Amino acid sequence: MLSSTLSPNHKFNQDHEIWEHLKQAIADCSGFKQWQSRQSTEQNSSPLDQQVRCYLRETLETLAY
């Protein structure tokens, strides 16, 4: 059983590590690479974190229809 003395920072660190792995997996997928090739040069110069977030947002908006 987990101790209740875990700090909020421990949870944040775990979440951050999960996001980093997920972000890299998304960036390596063919769907992201195709999406990236259709984006403007300006957007492609954005940090990977921002590009992945935009890709996920657009993908979810498309799926919502």
PDB file of N, CA and C in Angstrom:
ATOM      1  N   MET A   1       0.849  -1.192   0.000  1.00  0.00           N
ATOM      2  CA  MET A   1       0.000   0.000   0.000  1.00  0.00           C
ATOM      3  C   MET A   1       0.884   1.242   0.000  1.00  0.00           C
ATOM      4  N   LEU A   2       0.485   2.231  -0.770  1.00  0.00           N
ATOM      5  CA  LEU A   2       1.250   3.460  -0.841  1.00  0.00           C
ATOM      6  C   LEU A   2       1.105   4.270   0.433  1.00  0.00           C
ATOM      7  N   SER A   3       2.164   4.894   0.785  1.00  0.00           N
ATOM      8  CA  SER A   3       2.140   5.742   1.965  1.00  0.00           C
ATOM      9  C   SER A   3       1.404   7.038   1.653  1.00  0.00           C
ATOM     10  N   SER A   4       0.674   7.533   2.597  1.00  0.00           N
ATOM     11  CA  SER A   4      -0.043   8.793   2.403  1.00  0.00           C
ATOM     12  C   SER A   4       0.889   9.991   2.580  1.00  0.00           C
ATOM     13  N   THR A   5       2.166   9.726   2.809  1.00  0.00           N
ATOM     14  CA  THR A   5       3.108  10.820   3.002  1.00  0.00           C
ATOM     15  C   THR A   5       3.769  11.253   1.695  1.00  0.00           C
ATOM     16  N   LEU A   6       3.326  10.688   0.559  1.00  0.00           N
ATOM     17  CA  LEU A   6       3.887  11.113  -0.718  1.00  0.00           C
ATOM     18  C   LEU A   6       3.567  12.582  -0.938  1.00  0.00           C
ATOM     19  N   SER A   7       4.538  13.310  -1.376  1.00  0.00           N
ATOM     20  CA  SER A   7       4.338  14.739  -1.572  1.00  0.00           C
ATOM     21  C   SER A   7       3.651  15.006  -2.908  1.00  0.00           C
ATOM     22  N   PRO A   8       2.990  16.142  -3.024  1.00  0.00           N
ATOM     23  CA  PRO A   8       2.396  16.523  -4.308  1.00  0.00           C
ATOM     24  C   PRO A   8       3.447  16.612  -5.412  1.00  0.00           C
ATOM     25  N   ASN A   9       4.672  16.964  -5.049  1.00  0.00           N
ATOM     26  CA  ASN A   9       5.746  17.045  -6.036  1.00  0.00           C
ATOM     27  C   ASN A   9       6.053  15.680  -6.629  1.00  0.00           C
ATOM     28  N   HIS A  10       5.923  14.625  -5.833  1.00  0.00           N
ATOM     29  CA  HIS A  10       6.161  13.274  -6.329  1.00  0.00           C
ATOM     30  C   HIS A  10       5.156  12.950  -7.424  1.00  0.00           C
ATOM     31  N   LYS A  11       3.900  13.289  -7.213  1.00  0.00           N
ATOM     32  CA  LYS A  11       2.848  13.063  -8.208  1.00  0.00           C
ATOM     33  C   LYS A  11       3.138  13.879  -9.459  1.00  0.00           C
ATOM     34  N   PHE A  12       3.530  15.130  -9.283  1.00  0.00           N
ATOM     35  CA  PHE A  12       3.858  15.985 -10.420  1.00  0.00           C
ATOM     36  C   PHE A  12       5.005  15.386 -11.222  1.00  0.00           C
ATOM     37  N   ASN A  13       6.033  14.898 -10.540  1.00  0.00           N
ATOM     38  CA  ASN A  13       7.173  14.313 -11.234  1.00  0.00           C
ATOM     39  C   ASN A  13       6.765  13.083 -12.035  1.00  0.00           C
ATOM     40  N   GLN A  14       5.891  12.264 -11.465  1.00  0.00           N
ATOM     41  CA  GLN A  14       5.399  11.090 -12.188  1.00  0.00           C
ATOM     42  C   GLN A  14       4.601  11.513 -13.415  1.00  0.00           C
ATOM     43  N   ASP A  15       3.723  12.492 -13.251  1.00  0.00           N
ATOM     44  CA  ASP A  15       2.918  12.980 -14.370  1.00  0.00           C
ATOM     45  C   ASP A  15       3.806  13.553 -15.469  1.00  0.00           C
ATOM     46  N   HIS A  16       4.815  14.304 -15.072  1.00  0.00           N
ATOM     47  CA  HIS A  16       5.730  14.914 -16.035  1.00  0.00           C
ATOM     48  C   HIS A  16       6.479  13.828 -16.808  1.00  0.00           C
ATOM     49  N   GLU A  17       6.925  12.802 -16.116  1.00  0.00           N
ATOM     50  CA  GLU A  17       7.649  11.710 -16.768  1.00  0.00           C
ATOM     51  C   GLU A  17       6.739  10.968 -17.750  1.00  0.00           C
ATOM     52  N   ILE A  18       5.499  10.733 -17.349  1.00  0.00           N
ATOM     53  CA  ILE A  18       4.534  10.068 -18.239  1.00  0.00           C
ATOM     54  C   ILE A  18       4.298  10.922 -19.478  1.00  0.00           C
ATOM     55  N   TRP A  19       4.109  12.229 -19.289  1.00  0.00           N
ATOM     56  CA  TRP A  19       3.880  13.133 -20.419  1.00  0.00           C
ATOM     57  C   TRP A  19       5.067  13.123 -21.368  1.00  0.00           C
ATOM     58  N   GLU A  20       6.272  13.131 -20.849  1.00  0.00           N
ATOM     59  CA  GLU A  20       7.462  13.126 -21.702  1.00  0.00           C
ATOM     60  C   GLU A  20       7.509  11.873 -22.571  1.00  0.00           C
ATOM     61  N   HIS A  21       7.209  10.715 -21.986  1.00  0.00           N
ATOM     62  CA  HIS A  21       7.203   9.460 -22.753  1.00  0.00           C
ATOM     63  C   HIS A  21       6.068   9.457 -23.778  1.00  0.00           C
ATOM     64  N   LEU A  22       4.902   9.921 -23.375  1.00  0.00           N
ATOM     65  CA  LEU A  22       3.757   9.968 -24.275  1.00  0.00           C
ATOM     66  C   LEU A  22       4.014  10.933 -25.429  1.00  0.00           C
ATOM     67  N   LYS A  23       4.554  12.079 -25.110  1.00  0.00           N
ATOM     68  CA  LYS A  23       4.859  13.082 -26.128  1.00  0.00           C
ATOM     69  C   LYS A  23       5.833  12.522 -27.162  1.00  0.00           C
ATOM     70  N   GLN A  24       6.843  11.816 -26.719  1.00  0.00           N
ATOM     71  CA  GLN A  24       7.820  11.244 -27.643  1.00  0.00           C
ATOM     72  C   GLN A  24       7.190  10.158 -28.502  1.00  0.00           C
ATOM     73  N   ALA A  25       6.329   9.346 -27.913  1.00  0.00           N
ATOM     74  CA  ALA A  25       5.652   8.291 -28.676  1.00  0.00           C
ATOM     75  C   ALA A  25       4.754   8.903 -29.754  1.00  0.00           C
ATOM     76  N   ILE A  26       4.045   9.975 -29.410  1.00  0.00           N
ATOM     77  CA  ILE A  26       3.181  10.652 -30.378  1.00  0.00           C
ATOM     78  C   ILE A  26       4.023  11.266 -31.490  1.00  0.00           C
ATOM     79  N   ALA A  27       5.119  11.911 -31.126  1.00  0.00           N
ATOM     80  CA  ALA A  27       5.986  12.548 -32.114  1.00  0.00           C
ATOM     81  C   ALA A  27       6.593  11.532 -33.082  1.00  0.00           C
ATOM     82  N   ASP A  28       6.738  10.298 -32.647  1.00  0.00           N
ATOM     83  CA  ASP A  28       7.316   9.254 -33.497  1.00  0.00           C
ATOM     84  C   ASP A  28       6.284   8.578 -34.396  1.00  0.00           C
ATOM     85  N   CYS A  29       4.999   8.820 -34.178  1.00  0.00           N
ATOM     86  CA  CYS A  29       3.967   8.117 -34.957  1.00  0.00           C
ATOM     87  C   CYS A  29       3.776   8.773 -36.328  1.00  0.00           C
ATOM     88  N   SER A  30       3.338   7.962 -37.274  1.00  0.00           N
ATOM     89  CA  SER A  30       3.183   8.446 -38.650  1.00  0.00           C
ATOM     90  C   SER A  30       2.090   9.508 -38.767  1.00  0.00           C
ATOM     91  N   GLY A  31       1.024   9.379 -37.985  1.00  0.00           N
ATOM     92  CA  GLY A  31      -0.045  10.370 -38.039  1.00  0.00           C
ATOM     93  C   GLY A  31       0.443  11.754 -37.664  1.00  0.00           C
ATOM     94  N   PHE A  32       1.266  11.828 -36.621  1.00  0.00           N
ATOM     95  CA  PHE A  32       1.816  13.114 -36.207  1.00  0.00           C
ATOM     96  C   PHE A  32       2.739  13.668 -37.283  1.00  0.00           C
ATOM     97  N   LYS A  33       3.550  12.816 -37.873  1.00  0.00           N
ATOM     98  CA  LYS A  33       4.496  13.274 -38.904  1.00  0.00           C
ATOM     99  C   LYS A  33       3.757  13.799 -40.132  1.00  0.00           C
ATOM    100  N   GLN A  34       2.664  13.147 -40.503  1.00  0.00           N
ATOM    101  CA  GLN A  34       1.852  13.638 -41.627  1.00  0.00           C
ATOM    102  C   GLN A  34       1.228  14.982 -41.272  1.00  0.00           C
ATOM    103  N   TRP A  35       0.676  15.069 -40.075  1.00  0.00           N
ATOM    104  CA  TRP A  35       0.082  16.331 -39.610  1.00  0.00           C
ATOM    105  C   TRP A  35       1.135  17.436 -39.637  1.00  0.00           C
ATOM    106  N   GLN A  36       2.312  17.112 -39.131  1.00  0.00           N
ATOM    107  CA  GLN A  36       3.403  18.085 -39.044  1.00  0.00           C
ATOM    108  C   GLN A  36       3.800  18.586 -40.433  1.00  0.00           C
ATOM    109  N   SER A  37       3.809  17.697 -41.421  1.00  0.00           N
ATOM    110  CA  SER A  37       4.204  18.099 -42.775  1.00  0.00           C
ATOM    111  C   SER A  37       3.189  19.050 -43.404  1.00  0.00           C
ATOM    112  N   ARG A  38       1.947  19.029 -42.922  1.00  0.00           N
ATOM    113  CA  ARG A  38       0.911  19.927 -43.452  1.00  0.00           C
ATOM    114  C   ARG A  38       0.873  21.271 -42.737  1.00  0.00           C
ATOM    115  N   GLN A  39       1.629  21.421 -41.677  1.00  0.00           N
ATOM    116  CA  GLN A  39       1.598  22.658 -40.897  1.00  0.00           C
ATOM    117  C   GLN A  39       2.527  23.693 -41.501  1.00  0.00           C
ATOM    118  N   SER A  40       2.301  24.942 -41.135  1.00  0.00           N
ATOM    119  CA  SER A  40       3.135  26.034 -41.614  1.00  0.00           C
ATOM    120  C   SER A  40       4.543  25.917 -41.033  1.00  0.00           C
ATOM    121  N   THR A  41       5.470  26.520 -41.703  1.00  0.00           N
ATOM    122  CA  THR A  41       6.856  26.525 -41.236  1.00  0.00           C
ATOM    123  C   THR A  41       6.952  27.158 -39.857  1.00  0.00           C
ATOM    124  N   GLU A  42       6.149  28.193 -39.620  1.00  0.00           N
ATOM    125  CA  GLU A  42       6.154  28.882 -38.324  1.00  0.00           C
ATOM    126  C   GLU A  42       5.753  27.924 -37.207  1.00  0.00           C
ATOM    127  N   GLN A  43       4.709  27.145 -37.451  1.00  0.00           N
ATOM    128  CA  GLN A  43       4.241  26.226 -36.415  1.00  0.00           C
ATOM    129  C   GLN A  43       5.251  25.096 -36.201  1.00  0.00           C
ATOM    130  N   ASN A  44       5.932  24.668 -37.252  1.00  0.00           N
ATOM    131  CA  ASN A  44       6.925  23.600 -37.120  1.00  0.00           C
ATOM    132  C   ASN A  44       8.139  24.044 -36.319  1.00  0.00           C
ATOM    133  N   SER A  45       8.326  25.342 -36.178  1.00  0.00           N
ATOM    134  CA  SER A  45       9.448  25.826 -35.377  1.00  0.00           C
ATOM    135  C   SER A  45       9.066  25.936 -33.899  1.00  0.00           C
ATOM    136  N   SER A  46       7.799  25.680 -33.587  1.00  0.00           N
ATOM    137  CA  SER A  46       7.348  25.693 -32.193  1.00  0.00           C
ATOM    138  C   SER A  46       7.968  24.522 -31.442  1.00  0.00           C
ATOM    139  N   PRO A  47       8.057  24.641 -30.116  1.00  0.00           N
ATOM    140  CA  PRO A  47       8.572  23.516 -29.327  1.00  0.00           C
ATOM    141  C   PRO A  47       7.715  22.265 -29.545  1.00  0.00           C
ATOM    142  N   LEU A  48       8.333  21.100 -29.458  1.00  0.00           N
ATOM    143  CA  LEU A  48       7.641  19.837 -29.663  1.00  0.00           C
ATOM    144  C   LEU A  48       6.431  19.715 -28.750  1.00  0.00           C
ATOM    145  N   ASP A  49       6.559  20.150 -27.519  1.00  0.00           N
ATOM    146  CA  ASP A  49       5.451  20.090 -26.567  1.00  0.00           C
ATOM    147  C   ASP A  49       4.228  20.808 -27.129  1.00  0.00           C
ATOM    148  N   GLN A  50       4.423  21.998 -27.655  1.00  0.00           N
ATOM    149  CA  GLN A  50       3.330  22.790 -28.192  1.00  0.00           C
ATOM    150  C   GLN A  50       2.754  22.134 -29.448  1.00  0.00           C
ATOM    151  N   GLN A  51       3.602  21.578 -30.300  1.00  0.00           N
ATOM    152  CA  GLN A  51       3.121  20.906 -31.509  1.00  0.00           C
ATOM    153  C   GLN A  51       2.265  19.689 -31.166  1.00  0.00           C
ATOM    154  N   VAL A  52       2.715  18.886 -30.209  1.00  0.00           N
ATOM    155  CA  VAL A  52       1.969  17.691 -29.822  1.00  0.00           C
ATOM    156  C   VAL A  52       0.619  18.085 -29.223  1.00  0.00           C
ATOM    157  N   ARG A  53       0.595  19.112 -28.400  1.00  0.00           N
ATOM    158  CA  ARG A  53      -0.669  19.567 -27.813  1.00  0.00           C
ATOM    159  C   ARG A  53      -1.648  20.025 -28.896  1.00  0.00           C
ATOM    160  N   CYS A  54      -1.145  20.737 -29.883  1.00  0.00           N
ATOM    161  CA  CYS A  54      -1.980  21.215 -30.980  1.00  0.00           C
ATOM    162  C   CYS A  54      -2.490  20.023 -31.798  1.00  0.00           C
ATOM    163  N   TYR A  55      -1.620  19.076 -32.081  1.00  0.00           N
ATOM    164  CA  TYR A  55      -2.006  17.862 -32.813  1.00  0.00           C
ATOM    165  C   TYR A  55      -3.106  17.109 -32.073  1.00  0.00           C
ATOM    166  N   LEU A  56      -2.926  16.937 -30.774  1.00  0.00           N
ATOM    167  CA  LEU A  56      -3.934  16.226 -29.986  1.00  0.00           C
ATOM    168  C   LEU A  56      -5.262  16.979 -29.971  1.00  0.00           C
ATOM    169  N   ARG A  57      -5.201  18.293 -29.822  1.00  0.00           N
ATOM    170  CA  ARG A  57      -6.419  19.108 -29.805  1.00  0.00           C
ATOM    171  C   ARG A  57      -7.158  18.975 -31.129  1.00  0.00           C
ATOM    172  N   GLU A  58      -6.443  19.096 -32.247  1.00  0.00           N
ATOM    173  CA  GLU A  58      -7.081  19.002 -33.558  1.00  0.00           C
ATOM    174  C   GLU A  58      -7.625  17.595 -33.807  1.00  0.00           C
ATOM    175  N   THR A  59      -6.895  16.585 -33.386  1.00  0.00           N
ATOM    176  CA  THR A  59      -7.342  15.205 -33.558  1.00  0.00           C
ATOM    177  C   THR A  59      -8.621  14.952 -32.764  1.00  0.00           C
ATOM    178  N   LEU A  60      -8.657  15.415 -31.537  1.00  0.00           N
ATOM    179  CA  LEU A  60      -9.859  15.233 -30.707  1.00  0.00           C
ATOM    180  C   LEU A  60     -11.041  16.021 -31.253  1.00  0.00           C
ATOM    181  N   GLU A  61     -10.797  17.227 -31.774  1.00  0.00           N
ATOM    182  CA  GLU A  61     -11.879  18.002 -32.375  1.00  0.00           C
ATOM    183  C   GLU A  61     -12.441  17.270 -33.586  1.00  0.00           C
ATOM    184  N   THR A  62     -11.569  16.669 -34.392  1.00  0.00           N
ATOM    185  CA  THR A  62     -12.014  15.920 -35.559  1.00  0.00           C
ATOM    186  C   THR A  62     -12.825  14.707 -35.137  1.00  0.00           C
ATOM    187  N   LEU A  63     -12.388  14.005 -34.123  1.00  0.00           N
ATOM    188  CA  LEU A  63     -13.104  12.824 -33.637  1.00  0.00           C
ATOM    189  C   LEU A  63     -14.446  13.187 -33.019  1.00  0.00           C
ATOM    190  N   ALA A  64     -14.572  14.396 -32.517  1.00  0.00           N
ATOM    191  CA  ALA A  64     -15.811  14.832 -31.869  1.00  0.00           C
ATOM    192  C   ALA A  64     -16.945  15.013 -32.869  1.00  0.00           C
ATOM    193  N   TYR A  65     -16.601  15.194 -34.147  1.00  0.00           N
ATOM    194  CA  TYR A  65     -17.637  15.369 -35.155  1.00  0.00           C
ATOM    195  C   TYR A  65     -18.220  14.067 -35.466  1.00  0.00           C
TER     196      TYR A  65
END
